[in-house]
Amino acid sequence: MEDKPFKEITLMTRQLGKMKVITSIMQAAEFIVNEWPGTDTEKLDIAKHALLECYDGTLSPGIVAWLY
């Protein structure tokens, strides 16, 4: 799969006080699998759906940064 970059975003991880910088669709997907904080399944489902659409080319990677 081709990684698709977007403008840098910084997200909170599961570890208290630890932040992670995300700059691509691949990094965002890894974050969802490994670091997604909390149990808000609605937001998680939206993020997963958006990432799949970016890989398909039907959604701009810039939109994914906005969703977080």
C-alpha atoms as a PDB file:
ATOM      1  CA  MET A   1       0.000   0.000   0.000  1.00  0.00           C
ATOM      2  CA  GLU A   2       1.182   3.474  -0.817  1.00  0.00           C
ATOM      3  CA  ASP A   3       1.498   5.731   2.222  1.00  0.00           C
ATOM      4  CA  LYS A   4      -0.177   9.106   1.830  1.00  0.00           C
ATOM      5  CA  PRO A   5       1.199  12.095   3.757  1.00  0.00           C
ATOM      6  CA  PHE A   6      -0.839  14.895   5.316  1.00  0.00           C
ATOM      7  CA  LYS A   7      -0.201  17.943   7.483  1.00  0.00           C
ATOM      8  CA  GLU A   8       1.274  17.008  10.857  1.00  0.00           C
ATOM      9  CA  ILE A   9      -1.099  16.395  13.767  1.00  0.00           C
ATOM     10  CA  THR A  10      -0.274  15.603  17.393  1.00  0.00           C
ATOM     11  CA  LEU A  11      -2.424  13.131  19.325  1.00  0.00           C
ATOM     12  CA  MET A  12      -2.590  11.929  22.903  1.00  0.00           C
ATOM     13  CA  THR A  13      -1.688   8.256  23.403  1.00  0.00           C
ATOM     14  CA  ARG A  14      -2.870   5.771  26.013  1.00  0.00           C
ATOM     15  CA  GLN A  15       0.146   6.652  28.172  1.00  0.00           C
ATOM     16  CA  LEU A  16      -0.579   9.621  30.408  1.00  0.00           C
ATOM     17  CA  GLY A  17       1.224  12.706  29.131  1.00  0.00           C
ATOM     18  CA  LYS A  18       2.646  11.010  26.026  1.00  0.00           C
ATOM     19  CA  MET A  19       1.888  12.544  22.647  1.00  0.00           C
ATOM     20  CA  LYS A  20       2.472  11.176  19.137  1.00  0.00           C
ATOM     21  CA  VAL A  21       3.023  13.112  15.912  1.00  0.00           C
ATOM     22  CA  ILE A  22       1.193  11.640  12.902  1.00  0.00           C
ATOM     23  CA  THR A  23       2.081  12.687   9.340  1.00  0.00           C
ATOM     24  CA  SER A  24       0.632   9.978   7.082  1.00  0.00           C
ATOM     25  CA  ILE A  25      -2.226   7.587   6.544  1.00  0.00           C
ATOM     26  CA  MET A  26      -0.029   4.606   7.478  1.00  0.00           C
ATOM     27  CA  GLN A  27       0.975   6.229  10.774  1.00  0.00           C
ATOM     28  CA  ALA A  28      -2.677   7.043  11.468  1.00  0.00           C
ATOM     29  CA  ALA A  29      -3.664   3.413  10.854  1.00  0.00           C
ATOM     30  CA  GLU A  30      -0.906   2.198  13.193  1.00  0.00           C
ATOM     31  CA  PHE A  31      -2.073   4.673  15.835  1.00  0.00           C
ATOM     32  CA  ILE A  32      -5.645   3.393  15.603  1.00  0.00           C
ATOM     33  CA  VAL A  33      -4.510  -0.202  16.048  1.00  0.00           C
ATOM     34  CA  ASN A  34      -1.935   0.383  18.806  1.00  0.00           C
ATOM     35  CA  GLU A  35      -2.624   3.644  20.637  1.00  0.00           C
ATOM     36  CA  TRP A  36      -6.290   4.667  20.327  1.00  0.00           C
ATOM     37  CA  PRO A  37      -7.201   6.081  23.769  1.00  0.00           C
ATOM     38  CA  GLY A  38     -10.539   5.343  25.378  1.00  0.00           C
ATOM     39  CA  THR A  39     -13.410   3.259  24.148  1.00  0.00           C
ATOM     40  CA  ASP A  40     -15.416   5.703  22.023  1.00  0.00           C
ATOM     41  CA  THR A  41     -16.357   3.259  19.293  1.00  0.00           C
ATOM     42  CA  GLU A  42     -18.258   5.831  17.211  1.00  0.00           C
ATOM     43  CA  LYS A  43     -15.159   8.015  16.729  1.00  0.00           C
ATOM     44  CA  LEU A  44     -13.002   4.945  16.184  1.00  0.00           C
ATOM     45  CA  ASP A  45     -15.377   3.628  13.510  1.00  0.00           C
ATOM     46  CA  ILE A  46     -15.387   7.014  11.749  1.00  0.00           C
ATOM     47  CA  ALA A  47     -11.575   7.155  11.776  1.00  0.00           C
ATOM     48  CA  LYS A  48     -11.246   3.609  10.408  1.00  0.00           C
ATOM     49  CA  HIS A  49     -13.770   4.310   7.648  1.00  0.00           C
ATOM     50  CA  ALA A  50     -11.953   7.526   6.676  1.00  0.00           C
ATOM     51  CA  LEU A  51      -8.597   5.737   6.487  1.00  0.00           C
ATOM     52  CA  LEU A  52     -10.034   3.057   4.205  1.00  0.00           C
ATOM     53  CA  GLU A  53     -11.499   5.729   1.927  1.00  0.00           C
ATOM     54  CA  CYS A  54      -8.099   7.450   1.736  1.00  0.00           C
ATOM     55  CA  TYR A  55      -6.469   4.212   0.644  1.00  0.00           C
ATOM     56  CA  ASP A  56      -9.220   3.787  -1.960  1.00  0.00           C
ATOM     57  CA  GLY A  57      -8.607   7.333  -3.207  1.00  0.00           C
ATOM     58  CA  THR A  58     -12.156   8.519  -2.487  1.00  0.00           C
ATOM     59  CA  LEU A  59     -11.135  10.780   0.403  1.00  0.00           C
ATOM     60  CA  SER A  60      -8.266  13.252   0.710  1.00  0.00           C
ATOM     61  CA  PRO A  61      -5.611  12.456   3.356  1.00  0.00           C
ATOM     62  CA  GLY A  62      -6.010  16.038   4.591  1.00  0.00           C
ATOM     63  CA  ILE A  63      -9.514  15.185   5.747  1.00  0.00           C
ATOM     64  CA  VAL A  64      -8.182  12.420   7.998  1.00  0.00           C
ATOM     65  CA  ALA A  65      -6.067  14.957   9.893  1.00  0.00           C
ATOM     66  CA  TRP A  66      -9.214  17.031  10.424  1.00  0.00           C
ATOM     67  CA  LEU A  67     -11.148  14.048  11.821  1.00  0.00           C
ATOM     68  CA  TYR A  68      -8.720  13.510  14.656  1.00  0.00           C
END
